[in-house]
Amino acid sequence: MSMEFSEHNNLPFSERLVEAVKHHYLRYIIMLAILVIFVGPFLWLFSISIRGEGNIYELVLIPANATLSNYTETWRDFGIAQGFYNSILVAIMTVGSNVLFCSLAAYPLARMEFPGSKIIFLLILSTLMIPFQLYMIPLFLLSLEMRLFDSLLGVVAPAAVGAFGIYLLKQYYHSIPNELEEAARIDGAGEFKIWALIMFPLTKPAVAALALFIFIQSWSNFLWPLIILYSEDKYTLPITIARLSGAFVDRTQILAAGSVIAVLPVIILFFFLQRFFLGGLSVGAVKG
């Protein structure tokens, strides 16, 4: 390895410069190819959404007859606005409940010693292996008994807390130094005060990562809202988009505009939370 490095240094400056340029060009080409693979479909979807009448599958990114009327028509006339509002409301309630309940569950599992804590944590993790289709019917019957049918609360309640959130926050709580907790106990703080004022504020990266995961999961949830909701004015955005695909097969621009509207909030949220998101994932992956 050292011989190869020394031989490389013995090359003339011009040859070393050419090799460096080739190396960087190759890296940039690979990065550009990855960018096209991930961003290309969304750009093509946006291109279709702004096309007017005519050949909507023409291979151009910005068509000559570009228009934003598809967005105004989709938003105003086909229930997208109400579905968007319902999905935002459901996502906010789901994210808030998960952050609160998962943190309250993860804190004692990570920071307290009590009999059966490991067994309880394993039982919580085991629920990740149970597919939703297995308990879908009992959950629906329970929702009927609790009078949650055809309500947005009935969409939120089954997803109010999850095993993944408990696991992620528990791993992050393990990374916090014990000295902070001990100093608060010396000052006379109780467990709830320690959690609320000291421990929970320190979990912002993990909370941001969890919030993004739960938001995406809630925003794209289709099956359970389709089962539990009956009134059209309570439909979430995925159900509204699905109804568009059945009613406007011949107007692909409308479907594309609705899909862009559905995807944009997730992209915007990720841009705002990506710093906390990556930090939360990295800590949760190596601690515990």
Protein backbone atom coordinates (compact mmCIF):
# COMPACT_ATOMS: atom_id res chain seq x y z
CA MET A 1 0.00 0.00 0.00
CA SER A 2 2.81 2.40 0.91
CA MET A 3 4.71 1.42 -2.27
CA GLU A 4 1.67 2.23 -4.41
CA PHE A 5 1.30 5.57 -2.64
CA SER A 6 4.96 6.43 -3.18
CA GLU A 7 4.78 5.42 -6.85
CA HIS A 8 1.73 7.64 -7.23
CA ASN A 9 3.62 10.58 -5.71
CA ASN A 10 6.53 10.02 -8.10
CA LEU A 11 4.28 10.63 -11.10
CA PRO A 12 4.51 14.01 -12.82
CA PHE A 13 2.11 16.65 -11.58
CA SER A 14 0.15 16.70 -14.85
CA GLU A 15 -0.50 12.94 -14.71
CA ARG A 16 -1.54 13.11 -11.06
CA LEU A 17 -3.92 15.95 -11.93
CA VAL A 18 -5.46 13.91 -14.76
CA GLU A 19 -5.96 10.92 -12.44
CA ALA A 20 -7.58 13.12 -9.78
CA VAL A 21 -9.93 14.67 -12.34
CA LYS A 22 -10.87 11.23 -13.66
CA HIS A 23 -11.50 10.00 -10.12
CA HIS A 24 -13.72 12.95 -9.27
CA TYR A 25 -15.54 12.77 -12.59
CA LEU A 26 -16.35 9.13 -11.94
CA ARG A 27 -17.66 10.00 -8.48
CA TYR A 28 -19.82 12.79 -9.87
CA ILE A 29 -21.19 10.57 -12.63
CA ILE A 30 -22.22 7.93 -10.07
CA MET A 31 -23.83 10.58 -7.85
CA LEU A 32 -25.66 12.06 -10.85
CA ALA A 33 -26.96 8.63 -11.85
CA ILE A 34 -28.27 8.03 -8.32
CA LEU A 35 -29.89 11.48 -8.35
CA VAL A 36 -31.65 10.74 -11.64
CA ILE A 37 -32.91 7.39 -10.35
CA PHE A 38 -34.44 8.91 -7.20
CA VAL A 39 -35.51 12.36 -8.39
CA GLY A 40 -36.33 11.53 -12.01
CA PRO A 41 -39.74 9.90 -11.35
CA PHE A 42 -40.91 12.87 -9.29
CA LEU A 43 -39.80 15.35 -11.97
CA TRP A 44 -41.63 13.30 -14.59
CA LEU A 45 -44.75 13.25 -12.40
CA PHE A 46 -44.56 17.03 -12.01
CA SER A 47 -44.06 17.41 -15.76
CA ILE A 48 -47.24 15.44 -16.46
CA SER A 49 -49.16 17.44 -13.85
CA ILE A 50 -48.56 20.76 -15.66
CA ARG A 51 -49.49 19.55 -19.15
CA GLY A 52 -52.56 20.72 -20.98
CA GLU A 53 -54.59 18.87 -23.57
CA GLY A 54 -52.83 16.80 -26.19
CA ASN A 55 -50.02 14.27 -26.00
CA ILE A 56 -49.24 14.18 -22.29
CA TYR A 57 -46.54 11.50 -22.69
CA GLU A 58 -44.25 13.54 -24.89
CA LEU A 59 -40.64 13.14 -23.73
CA VAL A 60 -40.04 16.72 -22.59
CA LEU A 61 -39.60 17.92 -19.03
CA ILE A 62 -41.28 21.31 -19.50
CA PRO A 63 -44.08 21.04 -22.09
CA ALA A 64 -44.98 23.87 -24.46
CA ASN A 65 -48.55 23.98 -23.15
CA ALA A 66 -47.54 24.07 -19.46
CA THR A 67 -50.28 25.22 -17.10
CA LEU A 68 -51.05 25.21 -13.38
CA SER A 69 -54.80 24.97 -13.93
CA ASN A 70 -54.64 21.23 -13.21
CA TYR A 71 -53.64 22.02 -9.62
CA THR A 72 -56.38 24.59 -9.07
CA GLU A 73 -58.96 22.30 -10.62
CA THR A 74 -57.85 19.30 -8.58
CA TRP A 75 -57.73 21.29 -5.34
CA ARG A 76 -61.06 23.06 -5.84
CA ASP A 77 -63.34 20.59 -7.57
CA PHE A 78 -62.35 17.04 -6.59
CA GLY A 79 -62.14 16.99 -2.79
CA ILE A 80 -58.36 17.24 -2.54
CA ALA A 81 -58.57 20.22 -0.19
CA GLN A 82 -60.78 18.38 2.32
CA GLY A 83 -58.68 15.22 2.07
CA PHE A 84 -55.52 17.26 2.57
CA TYR A 85 -56.97 18.91 5.67
CA ASN A 86 -58.10 15.55 7.11
CA SER A 87 -54.70 13.98 6.48
CA ILE A 88 -52.89 16.91 8.10
CA LEU A 89 -55.14 16.66 11.16
CA VAL A 90 -54.68 12.89 11.44
CA ALA A 91 -50.91 13.16 10.96
CA ILE A 92 -50.52 15.86 13.61
CA MET A 93 -52.54 13.91 16.17
CA THR A 94 -50.69 10.67 15.36
CA VAL A 95 -47.25 12.26 15.57
CA GLY A 96 -48.09 14.07 18.82
CA SER A 97 -49.48 10.99 20.52
CA ASN A 98 -46.53 8.84 19.44
CA VAL A 99 -43.94 11.35 20.64
CA LEU A 100 -45.67 11.62 24.02
CA PHE A 101 -46.59 8.00 24.69
CA CYS A 102 -43.47 6.42 23.18
CA SER A 103 -41.26 8.72 25.22
CA LEU A 104 -43.19 7.98 28.41
CA ALA A 105 -42.86 4.24 27.74
CA ALA A 106 -39.21 4.34 26.68
CA TYR A 107 -37.93 6.38 29.63
CA PRO A 108 -38.55 3.82 32.41
CA LEU A 109 -37.43 0.95 30.18
CA ALA A 110 -34.12 2.69 29.55
CA ARG A 111 -33.38 4.47 32.83
CA MET A 112 -35.07 2.43 35.58
CA GLU A 113 -34.39 -1.00 37.03
CA PHE A 114 -37.51 -3.02 37.81
CA PRO A 115 -38.45 -6.72 37.60
CA GLY A 116 -39.51 -7.87 34.15
CA SER A 117 -38.33 -4.77 32.27
CA LYS A 118 -36.42 -6.80 29.67
CA ILE A 119 -39.35 -9.18 29.17
CA ILE A 120 -41.74 -6.26 28.74
CA PHE A 121 -39.42 -4.68 26.17
CA LEU A 122 -39.13 -7.96 24.24
CA LEU A 123 -42.92 -8.35 24.25
CA ILE A 124 -43.26 -4.82 22.88
CA LEU A 125 -40.75 -5.54 20.11
CA SER A 126 -42.50 -8.81 19.27
CA THR A 127 -45.56 -6.86 18.15
CA LEU A 128 -43.54 -5.70 15.13
CA MET A 129 -43.77 -9.26 13.78
CA ILE A 130 -47.58 -9.26 13.75
CA PRO A 131 -48.97 -8.10 10.38
CA PHE A 132 -51.80 -5.60 10.42
CA GLN A 133 -54.05 -7.91 8.40
CA LEU A 134 -53.99 -10.43 11.25
CA TYR A 135 -55.69 -8.15 13.78
CA MET A 136 -57.56 -5.90 11.36
CA ILE A 137 -60.99 -7.49 11.96
CA PRO A 138 -60.74 -7.54 15.81
CA LEU A 139 -59.55 -3.93 15.67
CA PHE A 140 -62.54 -2.97 13.54
CA LEU A 141 -64.96 -4.69 15.95
CA LEU A 142 -63.29 -2.95 18.90
CA SER A 143 -63.64 0.39 17.11
CA LEU A 144 -67.35 -0.27 16.66
CA GLU A 145 -67.70 -1.02 20.38
CA MET A 146 -65.86 2.19 21.27
CA ARG A 147 -67.95 4.20 18.77
CA LEU A 148 -64.92 5.26 16.78
CA PHE A 149 -66.34 4.20 13.42
CA ASP A 150 -66.42 6.95 10.78
CA SER A 151 -64.33 9.37 12.83
CA LEU A 152 -60.81 10.72 12.45
CA LEU A 153 -60.13 9.68 16.04
CA GLY A 154 -60.80 6.10 14.93
CA VAL A 155 -57.98 6.50 12.38
CA VAL A 156 -55.57 7.91 14.98
CA ALA A 157 -56.27 5.64 17.97
CA PRO A 158 -54.72 2.36 16.66
CA ALA A 159 -51.53 4.23 15.69
CA ALA A 160 -51.25 6.40 18.81
CA VAL A 161 -48.19 4.48 20.05
CA GLY A 162 -45.88 2.02 18.33
CA ALA A 163 -43.11 -0.43 19.18
CA PHE A 164 -40.67 1.18 16.76
CA GLY A 165 -40.99 4.56 18.48
CA ILE A 166 -40.44 3.01 21.91
CA TYR A 167 -37.35 1.21 20.64
CA LEU A 168 -35.86 4.29 18.97
CA LEU A 169 -36.35 6.57 21.99
CA LYS A 170 -35.17 3.88 24.41
CA GLN A 171 -31.92 3.59 22.49
CA TYR A 172 -31.46 7.35 22.61
CA TYR A 173 -32.18 7.53 26.35
CA HIS A 174 -29.34 5.05 26.85
CA SER A 175 -26.92 7.57 25.30
CA ILE A 176 -27.66 10.32 27.86
CA PRO A 177 -25.10 10.52 30.73
CA ASN A 178 -26.29 9.34 34.12
CA GLU A 179 -24.74 12.37 35.84
CA LEU A 180 -27.56 14.64 34.65
CA GLU A 181 -30.17 12.38 36.18
CA GLU A 182 -28.27 11.97 39.44
CA ALA A 183 -27.73 15.73 39.81
CA ALA A 184 -31.47 16.33 39.38
CA ARG A 185 -32.30 13.72 42.04
CA ILE A 186 -29.88 15.37 44.45
CA ASP A 187 -31.75 18.65 43.90
CA GLY A 188 -34.98 16.89 44.87
CA ALA A 189 -36.58 16.42 41.44
CA GLY A 190 -39.03 13.55 40.99
CA GLU A 191 -39.02 11.11 38.11
CA PHE A 192 -41.66 12.91 36.06
CA LYS A 193 -39.89 16.25 36.51
CA ILE A 194 -36.58 14.68 35.49
CA TRP A 195 -38.19 13.30 32.35
CA ALA A 196 -40.10 16.45 31.42
CA LEU A 197 -37.44 19.08 32.13
CA ILE A 198 -34.15 17.25 31.58
CA MET A 199 -34.35 13.98 29.69
CA PHE A 200 -37.07 14.61 27.12
CA PRO A 201 -35.60 17.93 25.82
CA LEU A 202 -32.31 16.10 25.16
CA THR A 203 -34.00 13.64 22.79
CA LYS A 204 -34.78 16.19 20.06
CA PRO A 205 -32.83 14.36 17.29
CA ALA A 206 -34.56 11.05 18.03
CA VAL A 207 -37.95 12.75 18.39
CA ALA A 208 -37.46 14.47 15.02
CA ALA A 209 -36.57 11.15 13.39
CA LEU A 210 -39.58 9.48 14.97
CA ALA A 211 -41.86 12.37 13.97
CA LEU A 212 -40.76 12.06 10.34
CA PHE A 213 -41.27 8.30 10.29
CA ILE A 214 -44.70 8.53 11.89
CA PHE A 215 -45.76 11.42 9.65
CA ILE A 216 -44.88 9.48 6.50
CA GLN A 217 -46.61 6.37 7.83
CA SER A 218 -49.75 8.30 8.77
CA TRP A 219 -49.75 10.41 5.61
CA SER A 220 -49.58 7.38 3.32
CA ASN A 221 -51.86 5.12 5.37
CA PHE A 222 -54.59 3.82 3.08
CA LEU A 223 -56.07 0.51 4.26
CA TRP A 224 -57.21 1.39 7.80
CA PRO A 225 -58.78 4.78 6.91
CA LEU A 226 -60.56 3.06 4.03
CA ILE A 227 -62.04 0.54 6.48
CA ILE A 228 -62.93 2.85 9.35
CA LEU A 229 -64.20 5.89 7.41
CA TYR A 230 -67.55 6.03 5.63
CA SER A 231 -68.39 9.70 5.05
CA GLU A 232 -66.71 11.31 2.05
CA ASP A 233 -66.03 14.54 3.95
CA LYS A 234 -63.82 12.55 6.37
CA TYR A 235 -61.73 10.76 3.74
CA THR A 236 -57.97 11.21 4.02
CA LEU A 237 -55.82 12.18 1.06
CA PRO A 238 -54.78 8.64 -0.07
CA ILE A 239 -58.44 7.62 -0.31
CA THR A 240 -59.28 10.80 -2.24
CA ILE A 241 -56.41 10.14 -4.68
CA ALA A 242 -57.62 6.55 -5.14
CA ARG A 243 -61.11 7.81 -5.95
CA LEU A 244 -59.61 10.14 -8.54
CA SER A 245 -57.82 7.24 -10.22
CA GLY A 246 -61.14 5.49 -10.68
CA ALA A 247 -63.10 8.51 -11.85
CA PHE A 248 -60.55 10.21 -14.11
CA VAL A 249 -58.73 7.42 -15.92
CA ASP A 250 -58.63 9.54 -19.09
CA ARG A 251 -57.25 12.65 -17.33
CA THR A 252 -53.82 11.66 -16.16
CA GLN A 253 -52.89 15.29 -15.49
CA ILE A 254 -55.46 15.45 -12.68
CA LEU A 255 -54.07 12.29 -11.08
CA ALA A 256 -50.51 13.58 -11.39
CA ALA A 257 -51.43 16.94 -9.84
CA GLY A 258 -53.12 15.20 -6.92
CA SER A 259 -50.09 12.94 -6.44
CA VAL A 260 -47.70 15.91 -6.40
CA ILE A 261 -49.86 17.63 -3.78
CA ALA A 262 -49.75 14.43 -1.70
CA VAL A 263 -45.95 14.07 -1.94
CA LEU A 264 -44.90 17.68 -1.32
CA PRO A 265 -45.56 17.83 2.47
CA VAL A 266 -43.30 14.83 3.08
CA ILE A 267 -40.47 16.37 1.05
CA ILE A 268 -40.82 19.73 2.79
CA LEU A 269 -40.89 18.12 6.24
CA PHE A 270 -37.77 16.09 5.47
CA PHE A 271 -35.85 19.20 4.39
CA PHE A 272 -36.69 20.86 7.71
CA LEU A 273 -35.92 17.81 9.86
CA GLN A 274 -33.09 16.09 7.95
CA ARG A 275 -30.37 17.30 10.36
CA PHE A 276 -32.21 15.89 13.39
CA PHE A 277 -33.34 12.88 11.39
CA LEU A 278 -29.83 11.70 10.51
CA GLY A 279 -28.56 12.42 14.03
CA GLY A 280 -31.38 10.48 15.62
CA LEU A 281 -30.86 7.46 13.40
CA SER A 282 -27.10 7.34 13.92
CA VAL A 283 -27.34 7.49 17.72
CA GLY A 284 -30.18 4.97 17.84
CA ALA A 285 -28.19 2.57 15.70
CA VAL A 286 -25.04 2.37 17.83
CA LYS A 287 -26.30 2.76 21.40
CA GLY A 288 -28.06 0.30 23.67
